[in-house]
Amino acid sequence: MNISVKGKAVHFDDRYLHVELEDGRIILTPMSWYKELQAGTFKQLANYQFICQGTGIEWAELDYHLSIESMLLSQLNQKAA
């Protein structure tokens, strides 16, 4: 799948990672999918930046990188199962 989706904002709650895309869509994935992020503090989670021309997210303090495309593919795989 060749998708060019770019992030606009990232939010968290107790259960989900929310990524707002530039086109207005919002992706929600369970925080339980991201053990490294679950281990981070709220301050560390809030300290993210978009990388790779907006197609990825980096949490430098946690040494963690996430592809927005992989979030979409994970959602598709979960629905197919």
PDB file of N, CA and C in Angstrom:
ATOM      1  N   MET A   1       0.846  -1.169   0.000  1.00  0.00           N
ATOM      2  CA  MET A   1       0.000   0.000   0.000  1.00  0.00           C
ATOM      3  C   MET A   1       0.888   1.227   0.000  1.00  0.00           C
ATOM      4  N   ASN A   2       0.674   2.106  -0.927  1.00  0.00           N
ATOM      5  CA  ASN A   2       1.464   3.323  -1.028  1.00  0.00           C
ATOM      6  C   ASN A   2       0.566   4.496  -0.665  1.00  0.00           C
ATOM      7  N   ILE A   3       0.654   4.921   0.583  1.00  0.00           N
ATOM      8  CA  ILE A   3      -0.199   5.980   1.100  1.00  0.00           C
ATOM      9  C   ILE A   3       0.687   7.140   1.521  1.00  0.00           C
ATOM     10  N   SER A   4       0.268   8.340   1.170  1.00  0.00           N
ATOM     11  CA  SER A   4       0.993   9.509   1.630  1.00  0.00           C
ATOM     12  C   SER A   4       0.073  10.283   2.566  1.00  0.00           C
ATOM     13  N   VAL A   5       0.117   9.929   3.836  1.00  0.00           N
ATOM     14  CA  VAL A   5      -0.694  10.606   4.844  1.00  0.00           C
ATOM     15  C   VAL A   5       0.232  11.374   5.763  1.00  0.00           C
ATOM     16  N   LYS A   6      -0.179  12.571   6.092  1.00  0.00           N
ATOM     17  CA  LYS A   6       0.650  13.418   6.934  1.00  0.00           C
ATOM     18  C   LYS A   6      -0.096  13.788   8.196  1.00  0.00           C
ATOM     19  N   GLY A   7       0.627  13.745   9.305  1.00  0.00           N
ATOM     20  CA  GLY A   7       0.048  14.070  10.593  1.00  0.00           C
ATOM     21  C   GLY A   7      -0.012  15.562  10.841  1.00  0.00           C
ATOM     22  N   LYS A   8      -1.000  15.930  11.648  1.00  0.00           N
ATOM     23  CA  LYS A   8      -1.193  17.331  12.029  1.00  0.00           C
ATOM     24  C   LYS A   8      -1.042  17.513  13.540  1.00  0.00           C
ATOM     25  N   ALA A   9      -1.542  16.541  14.320  1.00  0.00           N
ATOM     26  CA  ALA A   9      -1.478  16.637  15.773  1.00  0.00           C
ATOM     27  C   ALA A   9      -1.570  15.246  16.385  1.00  0.00           C
ATOM     28  N   VAL A  10      -1.037  15.106  17.593  1.00  0.00           N
ATOM     29  CA  VAL A  10      -1.075  13.842  18.326  1.00  0.00           C
ATOM     30  C   VAL A  10      -1.675  14.110  19.707  1.00  0.00           C
ATOM     31  N   HIS A  11      -2.578  13.222  20.127  1.00  0.00           N
ATOM     32  CA  HIS A  11      -3.198  13.324  21.448  1.00  0.00           C
ATOM     33  C   HIS A  11      -3.237  11.932  22.056  1.00  0.00           C
ATOM     34  N   PHE A  12      -3.350  11.888  23.374  1.00  0.00           N
ATOM     35  CA  PHE A  12      -3.408  10.627  24.105  1.00  0.00           C
ATOM     36  C   PHE A  12      -4.539  10.686  25.106  1.00  0.00           C
ATOM     37  N   ASP A  13      -5.083   9.524  25.405  1.00  0.00           N
ATOM     38  CA  ASP A  13      -5.919   9.384  26.589  1.00  0.00           C
ATOM     39  C   ASP A  13      -5.522   8.057  27.233  1.00  0.00           C
ATOM     40  N   ASP A  14      -6.260   7.608  28.190  1.00  0.00           N
ATOM     41  CA  ASP A  14      -5.890   6.387  28.908  1.00  0.00           C
ATOM     42  C   ASP A  14      -5.863   5.154  28.019  1.00  0.00           C
ATOM     43  N   ARG A  15      -6.640   5.174  26.939  1.00  0.00           N
ATOM     44  CA  ARG A  15      -6.776   3.976  26.121  1.00  0.00           C
ATOM     45  C   ARG A  15      -6.228   4.098  24.702  1.00  0.00           C
ATOM     46  N   TYR A  16      -6.217   5.306  24.138  1.00  0.00           N
ATOM     47  CA  TYR A  16      -5.918   5.429  22.712  1.00  0.00           C
ATOM     48  C   TYR A  16      -4.864   6.477  22.394  1.00  0.00           C
ATOM     49  N   LEU A  17      -4.152   6.207  21.304  1.00  0.00           N
ATOM     50  CA  LEU A  17      -3.287   7.178  20.643  1.00  0.00           C
ATOM     51  C   LEU A  17      -4.130   7.757  19.514  1.00  0.00           C
ATOM     52  N   HIS A  18      -4.297   9.066  19.497  1.00  0.00           N
ATOM     53  CA  HIS A  18      -5.083   9.759  18.480  1.00  0.00           C
ATOM     54  C   HIS A  18      -4.113  10.527  17.588  1.00  0.00           C
ATOM     55  N   VAL A  19      -4.180  10.319  16.294  1.00  0.00           N
ATOM     56  CA  VAL A  19      -3.372  11.100  15.362  1.00  0.00           C
ATOM     57  C   VAL A  19      -4.317  11.776  14.384  1.00  0.00           C
ATOM     58  N   GLU A  20      -4.309  13.100  14.423  1.00  0.00           N
ATOM     59  CA  GLU A  20      -5.114  13.873  13.487  1.00  0.00           C
ATOM     60  C   GLU A  20      -4.295  14.087  12.217  1.00  0.00           C
ATOM     61  N   LEU A  21      -4.898  13.776  11.082  1.00  0.00           N
ATOM     62  CA  LEU A  21      -4.218  13.913   9.798  1.00  0.00           C
ATOM     63  C   LEU A  21      -4.517  15.276   9.184  1.00  0.00           C
ATOM     64  N   GLU A  22      -3.665  15.699   8.259  1.00  0.00           N
ATOM     65  CA  GLU A  22      -3.856  16.977   7.587  1.00  0.00           C
ATOM     66  C   GLU A  22      -5.181  17.052   6.835  1.00  0.00           C
ATOM     67  N   ASP A  23      -5.677  15.895   6.378  1.00  0.00           N
ATOM     68  CA  ASP A  23      -6.934  15.904   5.612  1.00  0.00           C
ATOM     69  C   ASP A  23      -8.176  15.853   6.505  1.00  0.00           C
ATOM     70  N   GLY A  24      -7.984  15.925   7.832  1.00  0.00           N
ATOM     71  CA  GLY A  24      -9.102  15.984   8.758  1.00  0.00           C
ATOM     72  C   GLY A  24      -9.473  14.659   9.411  1.00  0.00           C
ATOM     73  N   ARG A  25      -8.981  13.550   8.879  1.00  0.00           N
ATOM     74  CA  ARG A  25      -9.271  12.260   9.505  1.00  0.00           C
ATOM     75  C   ARG A  25      -8.520  12.143  10.822  1.00  0.00           C
ATOM     76  N   ILE A  26      -9.041  11.296  11.705  1.00  0.00           N
ATOM     77  CA  ILE A  26      -8.374  11.004  12.976  1.00  0.00           C
ATOM     78  C   ILE A  26      -8.235   9.494  13.088  1.00  0.00           C
ATOM     79  N   ILE A  27      -7.021   9.050  13.353  1.00  0.00           N
ATOM     80  CA  ILE A  27      -6.736   7.627  13.554  1.00  0.00           C
ATOM     81  C   ILE A  27      -6.659   7.393  15.058  1.00  0.00           C
ATOM     82  N   LEU A  28      -7.364   6.383  15.538  1.00  0.00           N
ATOM     83  CA  LEU A  28      -7.265   5.972  16.933  1.00  0.00           C
ATOM     84  C   LEU A  28      -6.762   4.538  16.961  1.00  0.00           C
ATOM     85  N   THR A  29      -5.708   4.303  17.723  1.00  0.00           N
ATOM     86  CA  THR A  29      -5.213   2.946  17.927  1.00  0.00           C
ATOM     87  C   THR A  29      -4.995   2.752  19.422  1.00  0.00           C
ATOM     88  N   PRO A  30      -5.174   1.540  19.911  1.00  0.00           N
ATOM     89  CA  PRO A  30      -5.003   1.286  21.338  1.00  0.00           C
ATOM     90  C   PRO A  30      -3.567   1.550  21.806  1.00  0.00           C
ATOM     91  N   MET A  31      -3.445   2.210  22.944  1.00  0.00           N
ATOM     92  CA  MET A  31      -2.121   2.447  23.520  1.00  0.00           C
ATOM     93  C   MET A  31      -1.425   1.130  23.836  1.00  0.00           C
ATOM     94  N   SER A  32      -2.195   0.078  24.072  1.00  0.00           N
ATOM     95  CA  SER A  32      -1.596  -1.224  24.393  1.00  0.00           C
ATOM     96  C   SER A  32      -0.759  -1.768  23.236  1.00  0.00           C
ATOM     97  N   TRP A  33      -0.928  -1.237  22.035  1.00  0.00           N
ATOM     98  CA  TRP A  33      -0.111  -1.652  20.899  1.00  0.00           C
ATOM     99  C   TRP A  33       1.302  -1.075  20.975  1.00  0.00           C
ATOM    100  N   TYR A  34       1.514  -0.071  21.820  1.00  0.00           N
ATOM    101  CA  TYR A  34       2.785   0.664  21.867  1.00  0.00           C
ATOM    102  C   TYR A  34       3.355   0.622  23.284  1.00  0.00           C
ATOM    103  N   LYS A  35       3.969  -0.475  23.634  1.00  0.00           N
ATOM    104  CA  LYS A  35       4.516  -0.660  24.990  1.00  0.00           C
ATOM    105  C   LYS A  35       5.514   0.439  25.361  1.00  0.00           C
ATOM    106  N   GLU A  36       6.315   0.871  24.391  1.00  0.00           N
ATOM    107  CA  GLU A  36       7.310   1.909  24.662  1.00  0.00           C
ATOM    108  C   GLU A  36       6.636   3.224  25.042  1.00  0.00           C
ATOM    109  N   LEU A  37       5.526   3.531  24.382  1.00  0.00           N
ATOM    110  CA  LEU A  37       4.808   4.760  24.705  1.00  0.00           C
ATOM    111  C   LEU A  37       4.078   4.635  26.041  1.00  0.00           C
ATOM    112  N   GLN A  38       3.559   3.467  26.328  1.00  0.00           N
ATOM    113  CA  GLN A  38       2.881   3.256  27.610  1.00  0.00           C
ATOM    114  C   GLN A  38       3.832   3.478  28.778  1.00  0.00           C
ATOM    115  N   ALA A  39       5.109   3.207  28.575  1.00  0.00           N
ATOM    116  CA  ALA A  39       6.101   3.369  29.629  1.00  0.00           C
ATOM    117  C   ALA A  39       6.507   4.838  29.827  1.00  0.00           C
ATOM    118  N   GLY A  40       6.137   5.699  28.893  1.00  0.00           N
ATOM    119  CA  GLY A  40       6.529   7.101  28.979  1.00  0.00           C
ATOM    120  C   GLY A  40       5.638   7.915  29.890  1.00  0.00           C
ATOM    121  N   THR A  41       6.177   9.025  30.362  1.00  0.00           N
ATOM    122  CA  THR A  41       5.397   9.965  31.162  1.00  0.00           C
ATOM    123  C   THR A  41       4.564  10.837  30.225  1.00  0.00           C
ATOM    124  N   PHE A  42       3.573  11.526  30.793  1.00  0.00           N
ATOM    125  CA  PHE A  42       2.764  12.422  29.971  1.00  0.00           C
ATOM    126  C   PHE A  42       3.647  13.480  29.312  1.00  0.00           C
ATOM    127  N   LYS A  43       4.607  13.996  30.054  1.00  0.00           N
ATOM    128  CA  LYS A  43       5.515  15.017  29.509  1.00  0.00           C
ATOM    129  C   LYS A  43       6.304  14.454  28.322  1.00  0.00           C
ATOM    130  N   GLN A  44       6.797  13.220  28.435  1.00  0.00           N
ATOM    131  CA  GLN A  44       7.534  12.595  27.334  1.00  0.00           C
ATOM    132  C   GLN A  44       6.623  12.360  26.125  1.00  0.00           C
ATOM    133  N   LEU A  45       5.404  11.918  26.368  1.00  0.00           N
ATOM    134  CA  LEU A  45       4.465  11.666  25.275  1.00  0.00           C
ATOM    135  C   LEU A  45       4.088  12.956  24.549  1.00  0.00           C
ATOM    136  N   ALA A  46       3.981  14.035  25.291  1.00  0.00           N
ATOM    137  CA  ALA A  46       3.626  15.324  24.696  1.00  0.00           C
ATOM    138  C   ALA A  46       4.784  15.916  23.896  1.00  0.00           C
ATOM    139  N   ASN A  47       5.988  15.396  24.104  1.00  0.00           N
ATOM    140  CA  ASN A  47       7.179  15.901  23.423  1.00  0.00           C
ATOM    141  C   ASN A  47       7.464  15.051  22.180  1.00  0.00           C
ATOM    142  N   TYR A  48       6.627  15.221  21.170  1.00  0.00           N
ATOM    143  CA  TYR A  48       6.778  14.489  19.910  1.00  0.00           C
ATOM    144  C   TYR A  48       7.070  15.484  18.792  1.00  0.00           C
ATOM    145  N   GLN A  49       7.524  14.956  17.687  1.00  0.00           N
ATOM    146  CA  GLN A  49       7.649  15.784  16.480  1.00  0.00           C
ATOM    147  C   GLN A  49       7.362  14.912  15.274  1.00  0.00           C
ATOM    148  N   PHE A  50       6.836  15.540  14.239  1.00  0.00           N
ATOM    149  CA  PHE A  50       6.613  14.824  12.989  1.00  0.00           C
ATOM    150  C   PHE A  50       7.928  14.767  12.226  1.00  0.00           C
ATOM    151  N   ILE A  51       8.187  13.622  11.626  1.00  0.00           N
ATOM    152  CA  ILE A  51       9.405  13.401  10.853  1.00  0.00           C
ATOM    153  C   ILE A  51       9.026  12.878   9.473  1.00  0.00           C
ATOM    154  N   CYS A  52       9.999  12.754   8.606  1.00  0.00           N
ATOM    155  CA  CYS A  52       9.804  12.188   7.268  1.00  0.00           C
ATOM    156  C   CYS A  52       8.681  12.917   6.527  1.00  0.00           C
ATOM    157  N   GLN A  53       8.796  14.225   6.491  1.00  0.00           N
ATOM    158  CA  GLN A  53       7.825  15.082   5.805  1.00  0.00           C
ATOM    159  C   GLN A  53       6.411  14.888   6.339  1.00  0.00           C
ATOM    160  N   GLY A  54       6.293  14.645   7.640  1.00  0.00           N
ATOM    161  CA  GLY A  54       4.998  14.530   8.288  1.00  0.00           C
ATOM    162  C   GLY A  54       4.380  13.156   8.272  1.00  0.00           C
ATOM    163  N   THR A  55       5.074  12.171   7.705  1.00  0.00           N
ATOM    164  CA  THR A  55       4.499  10.829   7.600  1.00  0.00           C
ATOM    165  C   THR A  55       4.862   9.925   8.771  1.00  0.00           C
ATOM    166  N   GLY A  56       5.681  10.419   9.681  1.00  0.00           N
ATOM    167  CA  GLY A  56       6.078   9.650  10.854  1.00  0.00           C
ATOM    168  C   GLY A  56       6.090  10.533  12.086  1.00  0.00           C
ATOM    169  N   ILE A  57       6.119   9.882  13.237  1.00  0.00           N
ATOM    170  CA  ILE A  57       6.141  10.591  14.516  1.00  0.00           C
ATOM    171  C   ILE A  57       7.346  10.079  15.302  1.00  0.00           C
ATOM    172  N   GLU A  58       8.049  11.013  15.945  1.00  0.00           N
ATOM    173  CA  GLU A  58       9.208  10.651  16.750  1.00  0.00           C
ATOM    174  C   GLU A  58       9.033  11.174  18.170  1.00  0.00           C
ATOM    175  N   TRP A  59       9.335  10.309  19.122  1.00  0.00           N
ATOM    176  CA  TRP A  59       9.445  10.679  20.528  1.00  0.00           C
ATOM    177  C   TRP A  59      10.918  10.488  20.875  1.00  0.00           C
ATOM    178  N   ALA A  60      11.699  11.544  20.744  1.00  0.00           N
ATOM    179  CA  ALA A  60      13.154  11.462  20.895  1.00  0.00           C
ATOM    180  C   ALA A  60      13.558  10.965  22.283  1.00  0.00           C
ATOM    181  N   GLU A  61      12.898  11.452  23.331  1.00  0.00           N
ATOM    182  CA  GLU A  61      13.251  11.032  24.690  1.00  0.00           C
ATOM    183  C   GLU A  61      13.034   9.541  24.909  1.00  0.00           C
ATOM    184  N   LEU A  62      12.063   8.981  24.204  1.00  0.00           N
ATOM    185  CA  LEU A  62      11.750   7.560  24.345  1.00  0.00           C
ATOM    186  C   LEU A  62      12.445   6.713  23.286  1.00  0.00           C
ATOM    187  N   ASP A  63      13.158   7.379  22.360  1.00  0.00           N
ATOM    188  CA  ASP A  63      13.813   6.697  21.243  1.00  0.00           C
ATOM    189  C   ASP A  63      12.820   5.804  20.502  1.00  0.00           C
ATOM    190  N   TYR A  64      11.667   6.402  20.152  1.00  0.00           N
ATOM    191  CA  TYR A  64      10.594   5.646  19.505  1.00  0.00           C
ATOM    192  C   TYR A  64      10.099   6.407  18.282  1.00  0.00           C
ATOM    193  N   HIS A  65       9.911   5.667  17.195  1.00  0.00           N
ATOM    194  CA  HIS A  65       9.435   6.234  15.936  1.00  0.00           C
ATOM    195  C   HIS A  65       8.230   5.424  15.462  1.00  0.00           C
ATOM    196  N   LEU A  66       7.257   6.119  14.884  1.00  0.00           N
ATOM    197  CA  LEU A  66       6.045   5.457  14.434  1.00  0.00           C
ATOM    198  C   LEU A  66       5.641   5.994  13.072  1.00  0.00           C
ATOM    199  N   SER A  67       5.390   5.095  12.146  1.00  0.00           N
ATOM    200  CA  SER A  67       4.917   5.452  10.818  1.00  0.00           C
ATOM    201  C   SER A  67       3.394   5.577  10.851  1.00  0.00           C
ATOM    202  N   ILE A  68       2.869   6.673  10.343  1.00  0.00           N
ATOM    203  CA  ILE A  68       1.419   6.854  10.296  1.00  0.00           C
ATOM    204  C   ILE A  68       0.810   5.814   9.355  1.00  0.00           C
ATOM    205  N   GLU A  69       1.484   5.493   8.274  1.00  0.00           N
ATOM    206  CA  GLU A  69       0.994   4.453   7.366  1.00  0.00           C
ATOM    207  C   GLU A  69       0.862   3.118   8.096  1.00  0.00           C
ATOM    208  N   SER A  70       1.807   2.811   8.978  1.00  0.00           N
ATOM    209  CA  SER A  70       1.733   1.543   9.713  1.00  0.00           C
ATOM    210  C   SER A  70       0.523   1.526  10.643  1.00  0.00           C
ATOM    211  N   MET A  71       0.143   2.689  11.172  1.00  0.00           N
ATOM    212  CA  MET A  71      -1.056   2.755  12.001  1.00  0.00           C
ATOM    213  C   MET A  71      -2.290   2.404  11.176  1.00  0.00           C
ATOM    214  N   LEU A  72      -2.365   2.936   9.954  1.00  0.00           N
ATOM    215  CA  LEU A  72      -3.500   2.633   9.077  1.00  0.00           C
ATOM    216  C   LEU A  72      -3.520   1.162   8.693  1.00  0.00           C
ATOM    217  N   LEU A  73      -2.362   0.613   8.365  1.00  0.00           N
ATOM    218  CA  LEU A  73      -2.295  -0.797   7.985  1.00  0.00           C
ATOM    219  C   LEU A  73      -2.651  -1.697   9.160  1.00  0.00           C
ATOM    220  N   SER A  74      -2.237  -1.326  10.360  1.00  0.00           N
ATOM    221  CA  SER A  74      -2.578  -2.108  11.547  1.00  0.00           C
ATOM    222  C   SER A  74      -4.082  -2.129  11.768  1.00  0.00           C
ATOM    223  N   GLN A  75      -4.729  -0.983  11.522  1.00  0.00           N
ATOM    224  CA  GLN A  75      -6.182  -0.934  11.663  1.00  0.00           C
ATOM    225  C   GLN A  75      -6.844  -1.852  10.648  1.00  0.00           C
ATOM    226  N   LEU A  76      -6.372  -1.834   9.421  1.00  0.00           N
ATOM    227  CA  LEU A  76      -6.940  -2.699   8.382  1.00  0.00           C
ATOM    228  C   LEU A  76      -6.763  -4.167   8.743  1.00  0.00           C
ATOM    229  N   ASN A  77      -5.568  -4.521   9.246  1.00  0.00           N
ATOM    230  CA  ASN A  77      -5.294  -5.911   9.633  1.00  0.00           C
ATOM    231  C   ASN A  77      -6.168  -6.343  10.795  1.00  0.00           C
ATOM    232  N   GLN A  78      -6.419  -5.447  11.747  1.00  0.00           N
ATOM    233  CA  GLN A  78      -7.265  -5.786  12.889  1.00  0.00           C
ATOM    234  C   GLN A  78      -8.711  -6.016  12.455  1.00  0.00           C
ATOM    235  N   LYS A  79      -9.196  -5.224  11.496  1.00  0.00           N
ATOM    236  CA  LYS A  79     -10.561  -5.378  10.999  1.00  0.00           C
ATOM    237  C   LYS A  79     -10.724  -6.662  10.203  1.00  0.00           C
ATOM    238  N   ALA A  80      -9.666  -7.067   9.500  1.00  0.00           N
ATOM    239  CA  ALA A  80      -9.725  -8.274   8.673  1.00  0.00           C
ATOM    240  C   ALA A  80      -9.680  -9.547   9.519  1.00  0.00           C
ATOM    241  N   ALA A  81      -9.138  -9.450  10.705  1.00  0.00           N
ATOM    242  CA  ALA A  81      -8.988 -10.648  11.568  1.00  0.00           C
ATOM    243  C   ALA A  81     -10.303 -11.070  12.198  1.00  0.00           C
TER     244      ALA A  81
END
